[in-house]
């Protein structure tokens, strides 16, 4: 699982040739969720509310980069790292 970012104990990653719709994965402790890039909605999994808010805040700041990495994932091109939430 290629990691693209890590902040406040949250790990953001994508899989090569993952299924549509465009999304990314986030892990926080024992919690894991899949988030739509289009609107940052948690569509699979579970995440505590504080971690969920941090993921959505981060994703809203990096939507363009997430979409670029999604395109790379479909072509099995190495991902770009994305700056963490500060």
PDB file of N, CA and C in Angstrom:
ATOM      1  N   UNK A   1       0.836  -1.170   0.000  1.00  0.00           N
ATOM      2  CA  UNK A   1       0.000   0.000   0.000  1.00  0.00           C
ATOM      3  C   UNK A   1       0.882   1.234   0.000  1.00  0.00           C
ATOM      4  N   UNK A   2       0.989   1.913  -1.100  1.00  0.00           N
ATOM      5  CA  UNK A   2       1.835   3.104  -1.177  1.00  0.00           C
ATOM      6  C   UNK A   2       1.281   4.264  -0.341  1.00  0.00           C
ATOM      7  N   UNK A   3       2.075   4.668   0.628  1.00  0.00           N
ATOM      8  CA  UNK A   3       1.709   5.785   1.504  1.00  0.00           C
ATOM      9  C   UNK A   3       1.983   7.094   0.779  1.00  0.00           C
ATOM     10  N   UNK A   4       1.005   8.008   0.832  1.00  0.00           N
ATOM     11  CA  UNK A   4       1.218   9.301   0.197  1.00  0.00           C
ATOM     12  C   UNK A   4       1.320  10.435   1.210  1.00  0.00           C
ATOM     13  N   UNK A   5       0.889  10.190   2.457  1.00  0.00           N
ATOM     14  CA  UNK A   5       0.978  11.230   3.472  1.00  0.00           C
ATOM     15  C   UNK A   5       0.768  10.617   4.858  1.00  0.00           C
ATOM     16  N   UNK A   6       1.305  11.318   5.870  1.00  0.00           N
ATOM     17  CA  UNK A   6       1.136  10.888   7.259  1.00  0.00           C
ATOM     18  C   UNK A   6       1.104  12.145   8.130  1.00  0.00           C
ATOM     19  N   UNK A   7       0.086  12.248   8.997  1.00  0.00           N
ATOM     20  CA  UNK A   7      -0.017  13.385   9.915  1.00  0.00           C
ATOM     21  C   UNK A   7      -0.893  12.995  11.099  1.00  0.00           C
ATOM     22  N   UNK A   8      -0.541  13.466  12.268  1.00  0.00           N
ATOM     23  CA  UNK A   8      -1.312  13.255  13.505  1.00  0.00           C
ATOM     24  C   UNK A   8      -1.760  11.800  13.700  1.00  0.00           C
ATOM     25  N   UNK A   9      -0.904  10.866  13.345  1.00  0.00           N
ATOM     26  CA  UNK A   9      -1.237   9.451  13.500  1.00  0.00           C
ATOM     27  C   UNK A   9      -2.125   8.880  12.408  1.00  0.00           C
ATOM     28  N   UNK A  10      -2.428   9.677  11.400  1.00  0.00           N
ATOM     29  CA  UNK A  10      -3.272   9.253  10.277  1.00  0.00           C
ATOM     30  C   UNK A  10      -2.364   8.946   9.089  1.00  0.00           C
ATOM     31  N   UNK A  11      -2.587   7.823   8.453  1.00  0.00           N
ATOM     32  CA  UNK A  11      -1.818   7.437   7.271  1.00  0.00           C
ATOM     33  C   UNK A  11      -2.763   7.451   6.071  1.00  0.00           C
ATOM     34  N   UNK A  12      -2.363   8.171   5.031  1.00  0.00           N
ATOM     35  CA  UNK A  12      -3.145   8.267   3.799  1.00  0.00           C
ATOM     36  C   UNK A  12      -2.423   7.460   2.724  1.00  0.00           C
ATOM     37  N   UNK A  13      -3.177   6.636   1.998  1.00  0.00           N
ATOM     38  CA  UNK A  13      -2.557   5.819   0.959  1.00  0.00           C
ATOM     39  C   UNK A  13      -3.549   5.506  -0.148  1.00  0.00           C
ATOM     40  N   UNK A  14      -3.011   5.016  -1.243  1.00  0.00           N
ATOM     41  CA  UNK A  14      -3.794   4.543  -2.380  1.00  0.00           C
ATOM     42  C   UNK A  14      -3.220   3.209  -2.819  1.00  0.00           C
ATOM     43  N   UNK A  15      -4.029   2.438  -3.502  1.00  0.00           N
ATOM     44  CA  UNK A  15      -3.592   1.171  -4.083  1.00  0.00           C
ATOM     45  C   UNK A  15      -3.450   1.333  -5.583  1.00  0.00           C
ATOM     46  N   UNK A  16      -2.517   0.586  -6.177  1.00  0.00           N
ATOM     47  CA  UNK A  16      -2.393   0.553  -7.628  1.00  0.00           C
ATOM     48  C   UNK A  16      -3.651  -0.071  -8.224  1.00  0.00           C
ATOM     49  N   UNK A  17      -4.094   0.464  -9.327  1.00  0.00           N
ATOM     50  CA  UNK A  17      -5.249  -0.007 -10.099  1.00  0.00           C
ATOM     51  C   UNK A  17      -6.471  -0.302  -9.218  1.00  0.00           C
ATOM     52  N   UNK A  18      -6.705   0.527  -8.214  1.00  0.00           N
ATOM     53  CA  UNK A  18      -7.864   0.377  -7.338  1.00  0.00           C
ATOM     54  C   UNK A  18      -9.146   0.635  -8.133  1.00  0.00           C
ATOM     55  N   UNK A  19     -10.259   0.154  -7.630  1.00  0.00           N
ATOM     56  CA  UNK A  19     -11.559   0.269  -8.285  1.00  0.00           C
ATOM     57  C   UNK A  19     -12.104   1.700  -8.225  1.00  0.00           C
ATOM     58  N   UNK A  20     -12.974   2.023  -9.164  1.00  0.00           N
ATOM     59  CA  UNK A  20     -13.683   3.301  -9.141  1.00  0.00           C
ATOM     60  C   UNK A  20     -14.750   3.241  -8.048  1.00  0.00           C
ATOM     61  N   UNK A  21     -15.205   4.350  -7.552  1.00  0.00           N
ATOM     62  CA  UNK A  21     -14.915   5.730  -7.895  1.00  0.00           C
ATOM     63  C   UNK A  21     -13.562   6.164  -7.326  1.00  0.00           C
ATOM     64  N   UNK A  22     -13.016   7.275  -7.862  1.00  0.00           N
ATOM     65  CA  UNK A  22     -11.743   7.774  -7.345  1.00  0.00           C
ATOM     66  C   UNK A  22     -11.811   8.018  -5.832  1.00  0.00           C
ATOM     67  N   UNK A  23     -10.866   7.423  -5.119  1.00  0.00           N
ATOM     68  CA  UNK A  23     -10.887   7.517  -3.665  1.00  0.00           C
ATOM     69  C   UNK A  23      -9.491   7.299  -3.102  1.00  0.00           C
ATOM     70  N   UNK A  24      -9.366   7.542  -1.818  1.00  0.00           N
ATOM     71  CA  UNK A  24      -8.128   7.246  -1.110  1.00  0.00           C
ATOM     72  C   UNK A  24      -8.489   6.572   0.203  1.00  0.00           C
ATOM     73  N   UNK A  25      -7.504   5.950   0.814  1.00  0.00           N
ATOM     74  CA  UNK A  25      -7.686   5.234   2.071  1.00  0.00           C
ATOM     75  C   UNK A  25      -7.015   6.014   3.192  1.00  0.00           C
ATOM     76  N   UNK A  26      -7.592   5.946   4.375  1.00  0.00           N
ATOM     77  CA  UNK A  26      -6.991   6.555   5.562  1.00  0.00           C
ATOM     78  C   UNK A  26      -7.048   5.546   6.696  1.00  0.00           C
ATOM     79  N   UNK A  27      -5.957   5.463   7.437  1.00  0.00           N
ATOM     80  CA  UNK A  27      -5.897   4.571   8.595  1.00  0.00           C
ATOM     81  C   UNK A  27      -5.521   5.399   9.818  1.00  0.00           C
ATOM     82  N   UNK A  28      -6.235   5.144  10.911  1.00  0.00           N
ATOM     83  CA  UNK A  28      -5.955   5.807  12.184  1.00  0.00           C
ATOM     84  C   UNK A  28      -6.121   4.751  13.270  1.00  0.00           C
ATOM     85  N   UNK A  29      -4.990   4.266  13.801  1.00  0.00           N
ATOM     86  CA  UNK A  29      -5.065   3.184  14.776  1.00  0.00           C
ATOM     87  C   UNK A  29      -5.727   1.968  14.160  1.00  0.00           C
ATOM     88  N   UNK A  30      -6.771   1.462  14.830  1.00  0.00           N
ATOM     89  CA  UNK A  30      -7.480   0.284  14.308  1.00  0.00           C
ATOM     90  C   UNK A  30      -8.574   0.646  13.306  1.00  0.00           C
ATOM     91  N   UNK A  31      -8.762   1.935  13.043  1.00  0.00           N
ATOM     92  CA  UNK A  31      -9.813   2.397  12.140  1.00  0.00           C
ATOM     93  C   UNK A  31      -9.263   2.570  10.736  1.00  0.00           C
ATOM     94  N   UNK A  32     -10.115   2.287   9.771  1.00  0.00           N
ATOM     95  CA  UNK A  32      -9.739   2.462   8.378  1.00  0.00           C
ATOM     96  C   UNK A  32     -10.964   2.895   7.592  1.00  0.00           C
ATOM     97  N   UNK A  33     -10.763   3.838   6.684  1.00  0.00           N
ATOM     98  CA  UNK A  33     -11.872   4.309   5.870  1.00  0.00           C
ATOM     99  C   UNK A  33     -11.432   4.616   4.454  1.00  0.00           C
ATOM    100  N   UNK A  34     -12.400   4.604   3.561  1.00  0.00           N
ATOM    101  CA  UNK A  34     -12.180   5.000   2.177  1.00  0.00           C
ATOM    102  C   UNK A  34     -12.982   6.276   1.937  1.00  0.00           C
ATOM    103  N   UNK A  35     -12.318   7.258   1.340  1.00  0.00           N
ATOM    104  CA  UNK A  35     -12.903   8.582   1.145  1.00  0.00           C
ATOM    105  C   UNK A  35     -12.970   8.908  -0.336  1.00  0.00           C
ATOM    106  N   UNK A  36     -14.107   9.412  -0.779  1.00  0.00           N
ATOM    107  CA  UNK A  36     -14.262   9.847  -2.165  1.00  0.00           C
ATOM    108  C   UNK A  36     -13.457  11.124  -2.374  1.00  0.00           C
ATOM    109  N   UNK A  37     -12.737  11.205  -3.467  1.00  0.00           N
ATOM    110  CA  UNK A  37     -11.977  12.415  -3.761  1.00  0.00           C
ATOM    111  C   UNK A  37     -12.914  13.540  -4.183  1.00  0.00           C
ATOM    112  N   UNK A  38     -14.008  13.200  -4.822  1.00  0.00           N
ATOM    113  CA  UNK A  38     -14.948  14.207  -5.327  1.00  0.00           C
ATOM    114  C   UNK A  38     -15.458  15.129  -4.225  1.00  0.00           C
ATOM    115  N   UNK A  39     -15.884  14.555  -3.101  1.00  0.00           N
ATOM    116  CA  UNK A  39     -16.493  15.372  -2.042  1.00  0.00           C
ATOM    117  C   UNK A  39     -15.978  15.034  -0.644  1.00  0.00           C
ATOM    118  N   UNK A  40     -14.960  14.164  -0.565  1.00  0.00           N
ATOM    119  CA  UNK A  40     -14.293  13.777   0.684  1.00  0.00           C
ATOM    120  C   UNK A  40     -15.192  12.995   1.639  1.00  0.00           C
ATOM    121  N   UNK A  41     -16.283  12.454   1.132  1.00  0.00           N
ATOM    122  CA  UNK A  41     -17.201  11.678   1.973  1.00  0.00           C
ATOM    123  C   UNK A  41     -16.576  10.328   2.317  1.00  0.00           C
ATOM    124  N   UNK A  42     -16.764   9.901   3.549  1.00  0.00           N
ATOM    125  CA  UNK A  42     -16.370   8.560   3.982  1.00  0.00           C
ATOM    126  C   UNK A  42     -17.421   7.608   3.418  1.00  0.00           C
ATOM    127  N   UNK A  43     -17.024   6.749   2.481  1.00  0.00           N
ATOM    128  CA  UNK A  43     -18.027   5.870   1.885  1.00  0.00           C
ATOM    129  C   UNK A  43     -17.860   4.407   2.265  1.00  0.00           C
ATOM    130  N   UNK A  44     -16.743   4.058   2.882  1.00  0.00           N
ATOM    131  CA  UNK A  44     -16.566   2.701   3.412  1.00  0.00           C
ATOM    132  C   UNK A  44     -15.706   2.797   4.657  1.00  0.00           C
ATOM    133  N   UNK A  45     -16.004   1.958   5.619  1.00  0.00           N
ATOM    134  CA  UNK A  45     -15.186   1.901   6.817  1.00  0.00           C
ATOM    135  C   UNK A  45     -15.701   2.795   7.926  1.00  0.00           C
ATOM    136  N   UNK A  46     -14.820   3.050   8.874  1.00  0.00           N
ATOM    137  CA  UNK A  46     -15.181   3.816  10.062  1.00  0.00           C
ATOM    138  C   UNK A  46     -13.973   4.630  10.510  1.00  0.00           C
ATOM    139  N   UNK A  47     -14.247   5.800  11.074  1.00  0.00           N
ATOM    140  CA  UNK A  47     -13.187   6.681  11.527  1.00  0.00           C
ATOM    141  C   UNK A  47     -13.753   7.529  12.664  1.00  0.00           C
ATOM    142  N   UNK A  48     -13.009   7.693  13.771  1.00  0.00           N
ATOM    143  CA  UNK A  48     -13.489   8.561  14.842  1.00  0.00           C
ATOM    144  C   UNK A  48     -13.707   9.984  14.315  1.00  0.00           C
ATOM    145  N   UNK A  49     -14.632  10.701  14.905  1.00  0.00           N
ATOM    146  CA  UNK A  49     -15.031  12.013  14.375  1.00  0.00           C
ATOM    147  C   UNK A  49     -13.869  13.000  14.289  1.00  0.00           C
ATOM    148  N   UNK A  50     -12.970  13.013  15.255  1.00  0.00           N
ATOM    149  CA  UNK A  50     -11.843  13.954  15.210  1.00  0.00           C
ATOM    150  C   UNK A  50     -10.916  13.612  14.047  1.00  0.00           C
ATOM    151  N   UNK A  51     -10.581  12.333  13.882  1.00  0.00           N
ATOM    152  CA  UNK A  51      -9.731  11.914  12.771  1.00  0.00           C
ATOM    153  C   UNK A  51     -10.437  12.158  11.438  1.00  0.00           C
ATOM    154  N   UNK A  52     -11.728  11.902  11.381  1.00  0.00           N
ATOM    155  CA  UNK A  52     -12.509  12.143  10.168  1.00  0.00           C
ATOM    156  C   UNK A  52     -12.412  13.609   9.759  1.00  0.00           C
ATOM    157  N   UNK A  53     -12.576  14.507  10.714  1.00  0.00           N
ATOM    158  CA  UNK A  53     -12.495  15.943  10.422  1.00  0.00           C
ATOM    159  C   UNK A  53     -11.106  16.329   9.911  1.00  0.00           C
ATOM    160  N   UNK A  54     -10.057  15.744  10.478  1.00  0.00           N
ATOM    161  CA  UNK A  54      -8.699  16.043  10.031  1.00  0.00           C
ATOM    162  C   UNK A  54      -8.463  15.539   8.612  1.00  0.00           C
ATOM    163  N   UNK A  55      -8.956  14.358   8.298  1.00  0.00           N
ATOM    164  CA  UNK A  55      -8.799  13.808   6.947  1.00  0.00           C
ATOM    165  C   UNK A  55      -9.523  14.696   5.938  1.00  0.00           C
ATOM    166  N   UNK A  56     -10.742  15.096   6.253  1.00  0.00           N
ATOM    167  CA  UNK A  56     -11.516  15.943   5.334  1.00  0.00           C
ATOM    168  C   UNK A  56     -10.839  17.299   5.151  1.00  0.00           C
ATOM    169  N   UNK A  57     -10.331  17.880   6.231  1.00  0.00           N
ATOM    170  CA  UNK A  57      -9.627  19.163   6.129  1.00  0.00           C
ATOM    171  C   UNK A  57      -8.400  19.024   5.227  1.00  0.00           C
ATOM    172  N   UNK A  58      -7.603  17.972   5.465  1.00  0.00           N
ATOM    173  CA  UNK A  58      -6.410  17.741   4.654  1.00  0.00           C
ATOM    174  C   UNK A  58      -6.782  17.535   3.186  1.00  0.00           C
ATOM    175  N   UNK A  59      -7.762  16.673   2.942  1.00  0.00           N
ATOM    176  CA  UNK A  59      -8.157  16.355   1.566  1.00  0.00           C
ATOM    177  C   UNK A  59      -8.667  17.594   0.828  1.00  0.00           C
ATOM    178  N   UNK A  60      -9.399  18.451   1.520  1.00  0.00           N
ATOM    179  CA  UNK A  60      -9.921  19.655   0.874  1.00  0.00           C
ATOM    180  C   UNK A  60      -8.787  20.587   0.436  1.00  0.00           C
ATOM    181  N   UNK A  61      -7.658  20.515   1.113  1.00  0.00           N
ATOM    182  CA  UNK A  61      -6.500  21.333   0.751  1.00  0.00           C
ATOM    183  C   UNK A  61      -5.683  20.712  -0.392  1.00  0.00           C
ATOM    184  N   UNK A  62      -5.914  19.429  -0.676  1.00  0.00           N
ATOM    185  CA  UNK A  62      -5.071  18.717  -1.638  1.00  0.00           C
ATOM    186  C   UNK A  62      -5.862  17.935  -2.689  1.00  0.00           C
ATOM    187  N   UNK A  63      -7.047  18.400  -3.019  1.00  0.00           N
ATOM    188  CA  UNK A  63      -7.897  17.672  -3.969  1.00  0.00           C
ATOM    189  C   UNK A  63      -7.201  17.467  -5.312  1.00  0.00           C
ATOM    190  N   UNK A  64      -6.577  18.511  -5.844  1.00  0.00           N
ATOM    191  CA  UNK A  64      -5.913  18.411  -7.144  1.00  0.00           C
ATOM    192  C   UNK A  64      -4.815  17.342  -7.112  1.00  0.00           C
ATOM    193  N   UNK A  65      -4.026  17.332  -6.048  1.00  0.00           N
ATOM    194  CA  UNK A  65      -2.944  16.363  -5.930  1.00  0.00           C
ATOM    195  C   UNK A  65      -3.489  14.941  -5.767  1.00  0.00           C
ATOM    196  N   UNK A  66      -4.598  14.803  -5.049  1.00  0.00           N
ATOM    197  CA  UNK A  66      -5.228  13.489  -4.903  1.00  0.00           C
ATOM    198  C   UNK A  66      -5.710  12.964  -6.255  1.00  0.00           C
ATOM    199  N   UNK A  67      -6.322  13.837  -7.044  1.00  0.00           N
ATOM    200  CA  UNK A  67      -6.786  13.425  -8.374  1.00  0.00           C
ATOM    201  C   UNK A  67      -5.610  13.043  -9.276  1.00  0.00           C
ATOM    202  N   UNK A  68      -4.508  13.783  -9.178  1.00  0.00           N
ATOM    203  CA  UNK A  68      -3.323  13.439  -9.961  1.00  0.00           C
ATOM    204  C   UNK A  68      -2.791  12.063  -9.552  1.00  0.00           C
ATOM    205  N   UNK A  69      -2.758  11.806  -8.249  1.00  0.00           N
ATOM    206  CA  UNK A  69      -2.293  10.500  -7.788  1.00  0.00           C
ATOM    207  C   UNK A  69      -3.255   9.392  -8.196  1.00  0.00           C
ATOM    208  N   UNK A  70      -4.564   9.676  -8.217  1.00  0.00           N
ATOM    209  CA  UNK A  70      -5.530   8.667  -8.665  1.00  0.00           C
ATOM    210  C   UNK A  70      -5.224   8.272 -10.117  1.00  0.00           C
ATOM    211  N   UNK A  71      -4.994   9.283 -10.960  1.00  0.00           N
ATOM    212  CA  UNK A  71      -4.667   9.002 -12.359  1.00  0.00           C
ATOM    213  C   UNK A  71      -3.396   8.153 -12.453  1.00  0.00           C
ATOM    214  N   UNK A  72      -2.416   8.464 -11.642  1.00  0.00           N
ATOM    215  CA  UNK A  72      -1.179   7.676 -11.628  1.00  0.00           C
ATOM    216  C   UNK A  72      -1.453   6.250 -11.165  1.00  0.00           C
ATOM    217  N   UNK A  73      -2.355   6.096 -10.205  1.00  0.00           N
ATOM    218  CA  UNK A  73      -2.644   4.752  -9.692  1.00  0.00           C
ATOM    219  C   UNK A  73      -3.234   3.858 -10.774  1.00  0.00           C
ATOM    220  N   UNK A  74      -4.007   4.430 -11.653  1.00  0.00           N
ATOM    221  CA  UNK A  74      -4.645   3.651 -12.710  1.00  0.00           C
ATOM    222  C   UNK A  74      -3.653   3.240 -13.801  1.00  0.00           C
ATOM    223  N   UNK A  75      -2.534   3.961 -13.867  1.00  0.00           N
ATOM    224  CA  UNK A  75      -1.497   3.661 -14.864  1.00  0.00           C
ATOM    225  C   UNK A  75      -0.272   3.009 -14.229  1.00  0.00           C
ATOM    226  N   UNK A  76      -0.360   2.730 -12.930  1.00  0.00           N
ATOM    227  CA  UNK A  76       0.731   2.132 -12.155  1.00  0.00           C
ATOM    228  C   UNK A  76       2.012   2.967 -12.295  1.00  0.00           C
ATOM    229  N   UNK A  77       1.851   4.270 -12.112  1.00  0.00           N
ATOM    230  CA  UNK A  77       2.967   5.226 -12.084  1.00  0.00           C
ATOM    231  C   UNK A  77       3.181   5.597 -10.623  1.00  0.00           C
ATOM    232  N   UNK A  78       4.416   5.729 -10.170  1.00  0.00           N
ATOM    233  CA  UNK A  78       4.661   6.071  -8.764  1.00  0.00           C
ATOM    234  C   UNK A  78       3.920   7.339  -8.321  1.00  0.00           C
ATOM    235  N   UNK A  79       3.391   7.280  -7.114  1.00  0.00           N
ATOM    236  CA  UNK A  79       2.644   8.401  -6.545  1.00  0.00           C
ATOM    237  C   UNK A  79       3.575   9.516  -6.106  1.00  0.00           C
ATOM    238  N   UNK A  80       3.031  10.729  -6.086  1.00  0.00           N
ATOM    239  CA  UNK A  80       3.713  11.854  -5.466  1.00  0.00           C
ATOM    240  C   UNK A  80       3.319  11.895  -3.996  1.00  0.00           C
ATOM    241  N   UNK A  81       4.270  12.203  -3.132  1.00  0.00           N
ATOM    242  CA  UNK A  81       3.956  12.455  -1.732  1.00  0.00           C
ATOM    243  C   UNK A  81       3.207  13.777  -1.649  1.00  0.00           C
ATOM    244  N   UNK A  82       2.303  13.881  -0.682  1.00  0.00           N
ATOM    245  CA  UNK A  82       1.521  15.105  -0.492  1.00  0.00           C
ATOM    246  C   UNK A  82       1.846  15.642   0.895  1.00  0.00           C
ATOM    247  N   UNK A  83       1.954  16.956   1.000  1.00  0.00           N
ATOM    248  CA  UNK A  83       2.280  17.607   2.267  1.00  0.00           C
ATOM    249  C   UNK A  83       1.267  17.254   3.352  1.00  0.00           C
ATOM    250  N   UNK A  84       1.721  17.057   4.569  1.00  0.00           N
ATOM    251  CA  UNK A  84       0.801  16.749   5.672  1.00  0.00           C
ATOM    252  C   UNK A  84       0.035  17.977   6.147  1.00  0.00           C
ATOM    253  N   UNK A  85      -0.989  17.734   6.907  1.00  0.00           N
ATOM    254  CA  UNK A  85      -1.752  18.787   7.551  1.00  0.00           C
ATOM    255  C   UNK A  85      -0.878  19.370   8.653  1.00  0.00           C
ATOM    256  N   UNK A  86      -0.852  20.682   8.731  1.00  0.00           N
ATOM    257  CA  UNK A  86      -0.023  21.339   9.762  1.00  0.00           C
ATOM    258  C   UNK A  86      -0.880  22.112  10.728  1.00  0.00           C
TER     259      UNK A  86
END
